[in-house]
PDB file of all heavy atoms in Angstrom:
ATOM      1  N   ASP A   1      -7.317 -85.061  15.873  1.00  0.00           N
ATOM      2  CA  ASP A   1      -7.033 -85.110  14.435  1.00  0.00           C
ATOM      3  C   ASP A   1      -5.585 -84.623  14.133  1.00  0.00           C
ATOM      4  O   ASP A   1      -4.896 -85.184  13.268  1.00  0.00           O
ATOM      5  CB  ASP A   1      -8.003 -84.256  13.683  1.00  0.00           C
ATOM      6  CG  ASP A   1      -9.423 -84.896  13.625  1.00  0.00           C
ATOM      7  OD1 ASP A   1      -9.499 -86.132  13.898  1.00  0.00           O
ATOM      8  OD2 ASP A   1     -10.379 -84.185  13.351  1.00  0.00           O
ATOM      9  N   TRP A   2      -5.190 -83.588  14.798  1.00  0.00           N
ATOM     10  CA  TRP A   2      -3.839 -82.994  14.560  1.00  0.00           C
ATOM     11  C   TRP A   2      -2.793 -84.010  14.966  1.00  0.00           C
ATOM     12  O   TRP A   2      -1.793 -84.240  14.290  1.00  0.00           O
ATOM     13  CB  TRP A   2      -3.715 -81.678  15.284  1.00  0.00           C
ATOM     14  CG  TRP A   2      -2.386 -81.093  15.031  1.00  0.00           C
ATOM     15  CD1 TRP A   2      -1.959 -80.340  13.984  1.00  0.00           C
ATOM     16  CD2 TRP A   2      -1.212 -81.295  15.880  1.00  0.00           C
ATOM     17  NE1 TRP A   2      -0.602 -80.085  14.001  1.00  0.00           N
ATOM     18  CE2 TRP A   2      -0.076 -80.643  15.140  1.00  0.00           C
ATOM     19  CE3 TRP A   2      -0.929 -81.986  17.050  1.00  0.00           C
ATOM     20  CZ2 TRP A   2       1.243 -80.680  15.712  1.00  0.00           C
ATOM     21  CZ3 TRP A   2       0.386 -81.965  17.535  1.00  0.00           C
ATOM     22  CH2 TRP A   2       1.430 -81.363  16.890  1.00  0.00           C
ATOM     23  N   VAL A   3      -2.947 -84.647  16.116  1.00  0.00           N
ATOM     24  CA  VAL A   3      -2.031 -85.701  16.607  1.00  0.00           C
ATOM     25  C   VAL A   3      -1.900 -86.811  15.601  1.00  0.00           C
ATOM     26  O   VAL A   3      -0.797 -87.287  15.233  1.00  0.00           O
ATOM     27  CB  VAL A   3      -2.431 -86.203  18.006  1.00  0.00           C
ATOM     28  CG1 VAL A   3      -1.599 -87.345  18.421  1.00  0.00           C
ATOM     29  CG2 VAL A   3      -2.170 -85.091  19.047  1.00  0.00           C
ATOM     30  N   ASP A   4      -3.004 -87.327  15.150  1.00  0.00           N
ATOM     31  CA  ASP A   4      -3.035 -88.405  14.191  1.00  0.00           C
ATOM     32  C   ASP A   4      -2.289 -87.945  12.935  1.00  0.00           C
ATOM     33  O   ASP A   4      -1.507 -88.746  12.367  1.00  0.00           O
ATOM     34  CB  ASP A   4      -4.488 -88.769  13.824  1.00  0.00           C
ATOM     35  CG  ASP A   4      -5.173 -89.549  14.932  1.00  0.00           C
ATOM     36  OD1 ASP A   4      -4.547 -89.985  15.942  1.00  0.00           O
ATOM     37  OD2 ASP A   4      -6.462 -89.556  14.808  1.00  0.00           O
ATOM     38  N   ARG A   5      -2.500 -86.840  12.438  1.00  0.00           N
ATOM     39  CA  ARG A   5      -1.851 -86.279  11.231  1.00  0.00           C
ATOM     40  C   ARG A   5      -0.328 -86.088  11.512  1.00  0.00           C
ATOM     41  O   ARG A   5       0.551 -86.502  10.728  1.00  0.00           O
ATOM     42  CB  ARG A   5      -2.537 -85.013  10.775  1.00  0.00           C
ATOM     43  CG  ARG A   5      -2.171 -84.561   9.362  1.00  0.00           C
ATOM     44  CD  ARG A   5      -2.985 -83.422   8.864  1.00  0.00           C
ATOM     45  NE  ARG A   5      -2.868 -82.240   9.672  1.00  0.00           N
ATOM     46  CZ  ARG A   5      -3.819 -81.771  10.484  1.00  0.00           C
ATOM     47  NH1 ARG A   5      -5.027 -82.427  10.571  1.00  0.00           N
ATOM     48  NH2 ARG A   5      -3.614 -80.691  11.249  1.00  0.00           N
ATOM     49  N   ALA A   6       0.010 -85.493  12.655  1.00  0.00           N
ATOM     50  CA  ALA A   6       1.395 -85.190  13.026  1.00  0.00           C
ATOM     51  C   ALA A   6       2.173 -86.484  13.169  1.00  0.00           C
ATOM     52  O   ALA A   6       3.444 -86.498  12.730  1.00  0.00           O
ATOM     53  CB  ALA A   6       1.439 -84.419  14.271  1.00  0.00           C
ATOM     54  N   TYR A   7       1.624 -87.528  13.585  1.00  0.00           N
ATOM     55  CA  TYR A   7       2.273 -88.816  13.741  1.00  0.00           C
ATOM     56  C   TYR A   7       2.939 -89.231  12.436  1.00  0.00           C
ATOM     57  O   TYR A   7       4.042 -89.798  12.399  1.00  0.00           O
ATOM     58  CB  TYR A   7       1.353 -89.911  14.308  1.00  0.00           C
ATOM     59  CG  TYR A   7       2.049 -91.170  14.528  1.00  0.00           C
ATOM     60  CD1 TYR A   7       2.865 -91.431  15.663  1.00  0.00           C
ATOM     61  CD2 TYR A   7       1.891 -92.235  13.682  1.00  0.00           C
ATOM     62  CE1 TYR A   7       3.490 -92.545  15.928  1.00  0.00           C
ATOM     63  CE2 TYR A   7       2.552 -93.423  13.858  1.00  0.00           C
ATOM     64  CZ  TYR A   7       3.323 -93.619  15.069  1.00  0.00           C
ATOM     65  OH  TYR A   7       3.934 -94.811  15.231  1.00  0.00           O
ATOM     66  N   PHE A   8       2.201 -89.048  11.272  1.00  0.00           N
ATOM     67  CA  PHE A   8       2.717 -89.441   9.983  1.00  0.00           C
ATOM     68  C   PHE A   8       3.453 -88.315   9.262  1.00  0.00           C
ATOM     69  O   PHE A   8       4.401 -88.566   8.560  1.00  0.00           O
ATOM     70  CB  PHE A   8       1.590 -89.960   9.142  1.00  0.00           C
ATOM     71  CG  PHE A   8       0.940 -91.160   9.688  1.00  0.00           C
ATOM     72  CD1 PHE A   8      -0.248 -91.123  10.415  1.00  0.00           C
ATOM     73  CD2 PHE A   8       1.563 -92.412   9.517  1.00  0.00           C
ATOM     74  CE1 PHE A   8      -0.721 -92.343  10.906  1.00  0.00           C
ATOM     75  CE2 PHE A   8       1.000 -93.580  10.027  1.00  0.00           C
ATOM     76  CZ  PHE A   8      -0.176 -93.584  10.741  1.00  0.00           C
ATOM     77  N   VAL A   9       3.059 -87.122   9.471  1.00  0.00           N
ATOM     78  CA  VAL A   9       3.633 -85.982   8.713  1.00  0.00           C
ATOM     79  C   VAL A   9       5.077 -85.628   9.179  1.00  0.00           C
ATOM     80  O   VAL A   9       6.010 -85.391   8.462  1.00  0.00           O
ATOM     81  CB  VAL A   9       2.765 -84.700   8.801  1.00  0.00           C
ATOM     82  CG1 VAL A   9       3.413 -83.465   8.348  1.00  0.00           C
ATOM     83  CG2 VAL A   9       1.404 -84.969   8.048  1.00  0.00           C
ATOM     84  N   LEU A  10       5.270 -85.662  10.533  1.00  0.00           N
ATOM     85  CA  LEU A  10       6.571 -85.232  11.110  1.00  0.00           C
ATOM     86  C   LEU A  10       7.771 -86.062  10.616  1.00  0.00           C
ATOM     87  O   LEU A  10       8.765 -85.485  10.250  1.00  0.00           O
ATOM     88  CB  LEU A  10       6.504 -85.114  12.587  1.00  0.00           C
ATOM     89  CG  LEU A  10       5.600 -84.010  13.122  1.00  0.00           C
ATOM     90  CD1 LEU A  10       5.493 -84.009  14.653  1.00  0.00           C
ATOM     91  CD2 LEU A  10       6.007 -82.622  12.688  1.00  0.00           C
ATOM     92  N   PRO A  11       7.680 -87.357  10.627  1.00  0.00           N
ATOM     93  CA  PRO A  11       8.801 -88.163  10.055  1.00  0.00           C
ATOM     94  C   PRO A  11       9.062 -87.885   8.633  1.00  0.00           C
ATOM     95  O   PRO A  11      10.216 -87.829   8.155  1.00  0.00           O
ATOM     96  CB  PRO A  11       8.336 -89.617  10.266  1.00  0.00           C
ATOM     97  CG  PRO A  11       7.331 -89.565  11.326  1.00  0.00           C
ATOM     98  CD  PRO A  11       6.611 -88.241  11.166  1.00  0.00           C
ATOM     99  N   ALA A  12       8.017 -87.723   7.827  1.00  0.00           N
ATOM    100  CA  ALA A  12       8.163 -87.383   6.410  1.00  0.00           C
ATOM    101  C   ALA A  12       8.874 -86.056   6.198  1.00  0.00           C
ATOM    102  O   ALA A  12       9.690 -85.863   5.365  1.00  0.00           O
ATOM    103  CB  ALA A  12       6.802 -87.358   5.681  1.00  0.00           C
ATOM    104  N   ARG A  13       8.499 -85.058   7.056  1.00  0.00           N
ATOM    105  CA  ARG A  13       9.196 -83.719   7.016  1.00  0.00           C
ATOM    106  C   ARG A  13      10.669 -83.805   7.345  1.00  0.00           C
ATOM    107  O   ARG A  13      11.446 -83.051   6.733  1.00  0.00           O
ATOM    108  CB  ARG A  13       8.487 -82.742   7.956  1.00  0.00           C
ATOM    109  CG  ARG A  13       7.059 -82.462   7.464  1.00  0.00           C
ATOM    110  CD  ARG A  13       6.243 -81.651   8.519  1.00  0.00           C
ATOM    111  NE  ARG A  13       6.807 -80.398   8.794  1.00  0.00           N
ATOM    112  CZ  ARG A  13       6.633 -79.298   8.088  1.00  0.00           C
ATOM    113  NH1 ARG A  13       5.865 -79.262   7.041  1.00  0.00           N
ATOM    114  NH2 ARG A  13       7.212 -78.121   8.531  1.00  0.00           N
ATOM    115  N   LYS A  14      10.983 -84.723   8.283  1.00  0.00           N
ATOM    116  CA  LYS A  14      12.410 -84.838   8.569  1.00  0.00           C
ATOM    117  C   LYS A  14      13.165 -85.290   7.378  1.00  0.00           C
ATOM    118  O   LYS A  14      14.264 -84.843   7.103  1.00  0.00           O
ATOM    119  CB  LYS A  14      12.573 -85.894   9.732  1.00  0.00           C
ATOM    120  CG  LYS A  14      14.009 -86.079  10.211  1.00  0.00           C
ATOM    121  CD  LYS A  14      14.088 -87.050  11.331  1.00  0.00           C
ATOM    122  CE  LYS A  14      15.489 -87.191  11.767  1.00  0.00           C
ATOM    123  NZ  LYS A  14      15.591 -88.153  12.920  1.00  0.00           N
ATOM    124  N   ILE A  15      12.588 -86.208   6.661  1.00  0.00           N
ATOM    125  CA  ILE A  15      13.242 -86.676   5.373  1.00  0.00           C
ATOM    126  C   ILE A  15      13.341 -85.653   4.337  1.00  0.00           C
ATOM    127  O   ILE A  15      14.353 -85.510   3.708  1.00  0.00           O
ATOM    128  CB  ILE A  15      12.531 -87.976   4.881  1.00  0.00           C
ATOM    129  CG1 ILE A  15      12.726 -89.143   5.822  1.00  0.00           C
ATOM    130  CG2 ILE A  15      12.972 -88.365   3.415  1.00  0.00           C
ATOM    131  CD1 ILE A  15      11.807 -90.354   5.560  1.00  0.00           C
ATOM    132  N   GLN A  16      12.255 -84.828   4.234  1.00  0.00           N
ATOM    133  CA  GLN A  16      12.274 -83.696   3.246  1.00  0.00           C
ATOM    134  C   GLN A  16      13.386 -82.736   3.488  1.00  0.00           C
ATOM    135  O   GLN A  16      13.843 -82.122   2.593  1.00  0.00           O
ATOM    136  CB  GLN A  16      10.932 -82.963   3.296  1.00  0.00           C
ATOM    137  CG  GLN A  16       9.794 -83.774   2.691  1.00  0.00           C
ATOM    138  CD  GLN A  16       8.441 -83.071   2.908  1.00  0.00           C
ATOM    139  OE1 GLN A  16       8.330 -82.211   3.743  1.00  0.00           O
ATOM    140  NE2 GLN A  16       7.502 -83.361   2.054  1.00  0.00           N
ATOM    141  N   ARG A  17      13.729 -82.548   4.774  1.00  0.00           N
ATOM    142  CA  ARG A  17      14.769 -81.535   5.144  1.00  0.00           C
ATOM    143  C   ARG A  17      16.174 -82.040   4.868  1.00  0.00           C
ATOM    144  O   ARG A  17      17.137 -81.304   4.822  1.00  0.00           O
ATOM    145  CB  ARG A  17      14.637 -81.233   6.583  1.00  0.00           C
ATOM    146  CG  ARG A  17      13.493 -80.344   6.901  1.00  0.00           C
ATOM    147  CD  ARG A  17      13.588 -79.895   8.361  1.00  0.00           C
ATOM    148  NE  ARG A  17      12.466 -79.096   8.705  1.00  0.00           N
ATOM    149  CZ  ARG A  17      11.415 -79.541   9.310  1.00  0.00           C
ATOM    150  NH1 ARG A  17      11.326 -80.827   9.625  1.00  0.00           N
ATOM    151  NH2 ARG A  17      10.364 -78.764   9.592  1.00  0.00           N
ATOM    152  N   ASP A  18      16.368 -83.372   4.606  1.00  0.00           N
ATOM    153  CA  ASP A  18      17.626 -83.892   4.467  1.00  0.00           C
ATOM    154  C   ASP A  18      18.184 -83.779   3.093  1.00  0.00           C
ATOM    155  O   ASP A  18      17.643 -84.450   2.175  1.00  0.00           O
ATOM    156  CB  ASP A  18      17.569 -85.433   4.872  1.00  0.00           C
ATOM    157  CG  ASP A  18      18.906 -86.177   4.752  1.00  0.00           C
ATOM    158  OD1 ASP A  18      19.903 -85.466   4.528  1.00  0.00           O
ATOM    159  OD2 ASP A  18      18.914 -87.425   4.783  1.00  0.00           O
ATOM    160  N   PRO A  19      19.188 -83.013   2.857  1.00  0.00           N
ATOM    161  CA  PRO A  19      19.605 -82.814   1.435  1.00  0.00           C
ATOM    162  C   PRO A  19      20.219 -84.039   0.833  1.00  0.00           C
ATOM    163  O   PRO A  19      20.125 -84.169  -0.421  1.00  0.00           O
ATOM    164  CB  PRO A  19      20.731 -81.713   1.648  1.00  0.00           C
ATOM    165  CG  PRO A  19      20.830 -81.365   3.126  1.00  0.00           C
ATOM    166  CD  PRO A  19      19.874 -82.229   3.811  1.00  0.00           C
ATOM    167  N   LEU A  20      20.764 -84.927   1.482  1.00  0.00           N
ATOM    168  CA  LEU A  20      21.318 -86.210   0.970  1.00  0.00           C
ATOM    169  C   LEU A  20      20.168 -87.067   0.392  1.00  0.00           C
ATOM    170  O   LEU A  20      20.252 -87.681  -0.624  1.00  0.00           O
ATOM    171  CB  LEU A  20      22.098 -86.966   2.004  1.00  0.00           C
ATOM    172  CG  LEU A  20      22.936 -88.071   1.445  1.00  0.00           C
ATOM    173  CD1 LEU A  20      23.903 -87.584   0.407  1.00  0.00           C
ATOM    174  CD2 LEU A  20      23.794 -88.701   2.539  1.00  0.00           C
ATOM    175  N   SER A  21      19.034 -87.064   1.154  1.00  0.00           N
ATOM    176  CA  SER A  21      17.892 -87.854   0.636  1.00  0.00           C
ATOM    177  C   SER A  21      17.324 -87.150  -0.687  1.00  0.00           C
ATOM    178  O   SER A  21      16.945 -87.844  -1.569  1.00  0.00           O
ATOM    179  CB  SER A  21      16.783 -87.861   1.670  1.00  0.00           C
ATOM    180  OG  SER A  21      17.187 -88.661   2.790  1.00  0.00           O
ATOM    181  N   GLN A  22      17.373 -85.855  -0.686  1.00  0.00           N
ATOM    182  CA  GLN A  22      16.973 -85.117  -1.846  1.00  0.00           C
ATOM    183  C   GLN A  22      17.892 -85.423  -3.012  1.00  0.00           C
ATOM    184  O   GLN A  22      17.431 -85.600  -4.145  1.00  0.00           O
ATOM    185  CB  GLN A  22      16.884 -83.634  -1.598  1.00  0.00           C
ATOM    186  CG  GLN A  22      15.850 -83.219  -0.601  1.00  0.00           C
ATOM    187  CD  GLN A  22      14.394 -83.495  -1.123  1.00  0.00           C
ATOM    188  OE1 GLN A  22      14.135 -83.242  -2.266  1.00  0.00           O
ATOM    189  NE2 GLN A  22      13.600 -84.032  -0.170  1.00  0.00           N
ATOM    190  N   LEU A  23      19.217 -85.501  -2.748  1.00  0.00           N
ATOM    191  CA  LEU A  23      20.173 -85.794  -3.851  1.00  0.00           C
ATOM    192  C   LEU A  23      19.920 -87.188  -4.369  1.00  0.00           C
ATOM    193  O   LEU A  23      19.936 -87.391  -5.533  1.00  0.00           O
ATOM    194  CB  LEU A  23      21.581 -85.643  -3.346  1.00  0.00           C
ATOM    195  CG  LEU A  23      22.676 -86.032  -4.296  1.00  0.00           C
ATOM    196  CD1 LEU A  23      22.619 -85.155  -5.519  1.00  0.00           C
ATOM    197  CD2 LEU A  23      23.998 -86.011  -3.521  1.00  0.00           C
ATOM    198  N   ARG A  24      19.720 -88.103  -3.471  1.00  0.00           N
ATOM    199  CA  ARG A  24      19.431 -89.534  -3.907  1.00  0.00           C
ATOM    200  C   ARG A  24      18.214 -89.578  -4.824  1.00  0.00           C
ATOM    201  O   ARG A  24      18.206 -90.184  -5.879  1.00  0.00           O
ATOM    202  CB  ARG A  24      19.253 -90.464  -2.746  1.00  0.00           C
ATOM    203  CG  ARG A  24      18.963 -91.866  -3.198  1.00  0.00           C
ATOM    204  CD  ARG A  24      18.917 -92.900  -2.136  1.00  0.00           C
ATOM    205  NE  ARG A  24      18.452 -92.427  -0.872  1.00  0.00           N
ATOM    206  CZ  ARG A  24      18.576 -93.082   0.286  1.00  0.00           C
ATOM    207  NH1 ARG A  24      19.219 -94.210   0.262  1.00  0.00           N
ATOM    208  NH2 ARG A  24      18.135 -92.591   1.382  1.00  0.00           N
ATOM    209  N   LYS A  25      17.164 -88.844  -4.464  1.00  0.00           N
ATOM    210  CA  LYS A  25      15.881 -88.796  -5.200  1.00  0.00           C
ATOM    211  C   LYS A  25      16.162 -88.222  -6.615  1.00  0.00           C
ATOM    212  O   LYS A  25      15.762 -88.718  -7.658  1.00  0.00           O
ATOM    213  CB  LYS A  25      14.815 -88.046  -4.506  1.00  0.00           C
ATOM    214  CG  LYS A  25      13.556 -87.889  -5.233  1.00  0.00           C
ATOM    215  CD  LYS A  25      12.524 -87.079  -4.391  1.00  0.00           C
ATOM    216  CE  LYS A  25      11.274 -86.950  -5.245  1.00  0.00           C
ATOM    217  NZ  LYS A  25      10.293 -86.070  -4.543  1.00  0.00           N
ATOM    218  N   ARG A  26      16.938 -87.122  -6.607  1.00  0.00           N
ATOM    219  CA  ARG A  26      17.261 -86.428  -7.912  1.00  0.00           C
ATOM    220  C   ARG A  26      18.104 -87.330  -8.797  1.00  0.00           C
ATOM    221  O   ARG A  26      17.838 -87.509 -10.044  1.00  0.00           O
ATOM    222  CB  ARG A  26      18.058 -85.142  -7.622  1.00  0.00           C
ATOM    223  CG  ARG A  26      18.452 -84.393  -8.827  1.00  0.00           C
ATOM    224  CD  ARG A  26      17.253 -83.939  -9.650  1.00  0.00           C
ATOM    225  NE  ARG A  26      17.675 -83.379 -10.914  1.00  0.00           N
ATOM    226  CZ  ARG A  26      17.186 -83.733 -12.153  1.00  0.00           C
ATOM    227  NH1 ARG A  26      16.168 -84.546 -12.227  1.00  0.00           N
ATOM    228  NH2 ARG A  26      17.634 -83.197 -13.218  1.00  0.00           N
ATOM    229  N   ILE A  27      19.092 -88.035  -8.265  1.00  0.00           N
ATOM    230  CA  ILE A  27      19.951 -88.941  -9.054  1.00  0.00           C
ATOM    231  C   ILE A  27      19.111 -90.107  -9.590  1.00  0.00           C
ATOM    232  O   ILE A  27      19.183 -90.476 -10.763  1.00  0.00           O
ATOM    233  CB  ILE A  27      21.170 -89.415  -8.294  1.00  0.00           C
ATOM    234  CG1 ILE A  27      22.100 -88.246  -8.075  1.00  0.00           C
ATOM    235  CG2 ILE A  27      21.860 -90.559  -9.022  1.00  0.00           C
ATOM    236  CD1 ILE A  27      23.306 -88.558  -7.137  1.00  0.00           C
ATOM    237  N   SER A  28      18.235 -90.610  -8.804  1.00  0.00           N
ATOM    238  CA  SER A  28      17.348 -91.657  -9.300  1.00  0.00           C
ATOM    239  C   SER A  28      16.475 -91.184 -10.434  1.00  0.00           C
ATOM    240  O   SER A  28      16.284 -91.910 -11.402  1.00  0.00           O
ATOM    241  CB  SER A  28      16.486 -92.156  -8.113  1.00  0.00           C
ATOM    242  OG  SER A  28      15.580 -93.183  -8.531  1.00  0.00           O
ATOM    243  N   GLU A  29      15.947 -89.973 -10.350  1.00  0.00           N
ATOM    244  CA  GLU A  29      15.131 -89.354 -11.440  1.00  0.00           C
ATOM    245  C   GLU A  29      15.919 -89.262 -12.719  1.00  0.00           C
ATOM    246  O   GLU A  29      15.509 -89.536 -13.796  1.00  0.00           O
ATOM    247  CB  GLU A  29      14.527 -88.017 -10.931  1.00  0.00           C
ATOM    248  CG  GLU A  29      13.507 -88.082 -10.003  1.00  0.00           C
ATOM    249  CD  GLU A  29      13.103 -86.775  -9.352  1.00  0.00           C
ATOM    250  OE1 GLU A  29      13.810 -85.757  -9.674  1.00  0.00           O
ATOM    251  OE2 GLU A  29      12.197 -86.694  -8.586  1.00  0.00           O
ATOM    252  N   ILE A  30      17.183 -88.838 -12.561  1.00  0.00           N
ATOM    253  CA  ILE A  30      18.064 -88.719 -13.730  1.00  0.00           C
ATOM    254  C   ILE A  30      18.318 -90.034 -14.333  1.00  0.00           C
ATOM    255  O   ILE A  30      18.235 -90.165 -15.589  1.00  0.00           O
ATOM    256  CB  ILE A  30      19.461 -88.097 -13.347  1.00  0.00           C
ATOM    257  CG1 ILE A  30      19.211 -86.589 -12.881  1.00  0.00           C
ATOM    258  CG2 ILE A  30      20.452 -88.196 -14.343  1.00  0.00           C
ATOM    259  CD1 ILE A  30      20.443 -85.972 -12.155  1.00  0.00           C
TER     260      ILE A  30
END
């Protein structure tokens, strides 16, 4: 179960850590 969850969660976490992706999301919201 943990492996199945980690397979999808870990790539999403990499994106969450990226400040440039966060900036793009914020500008889109604006």
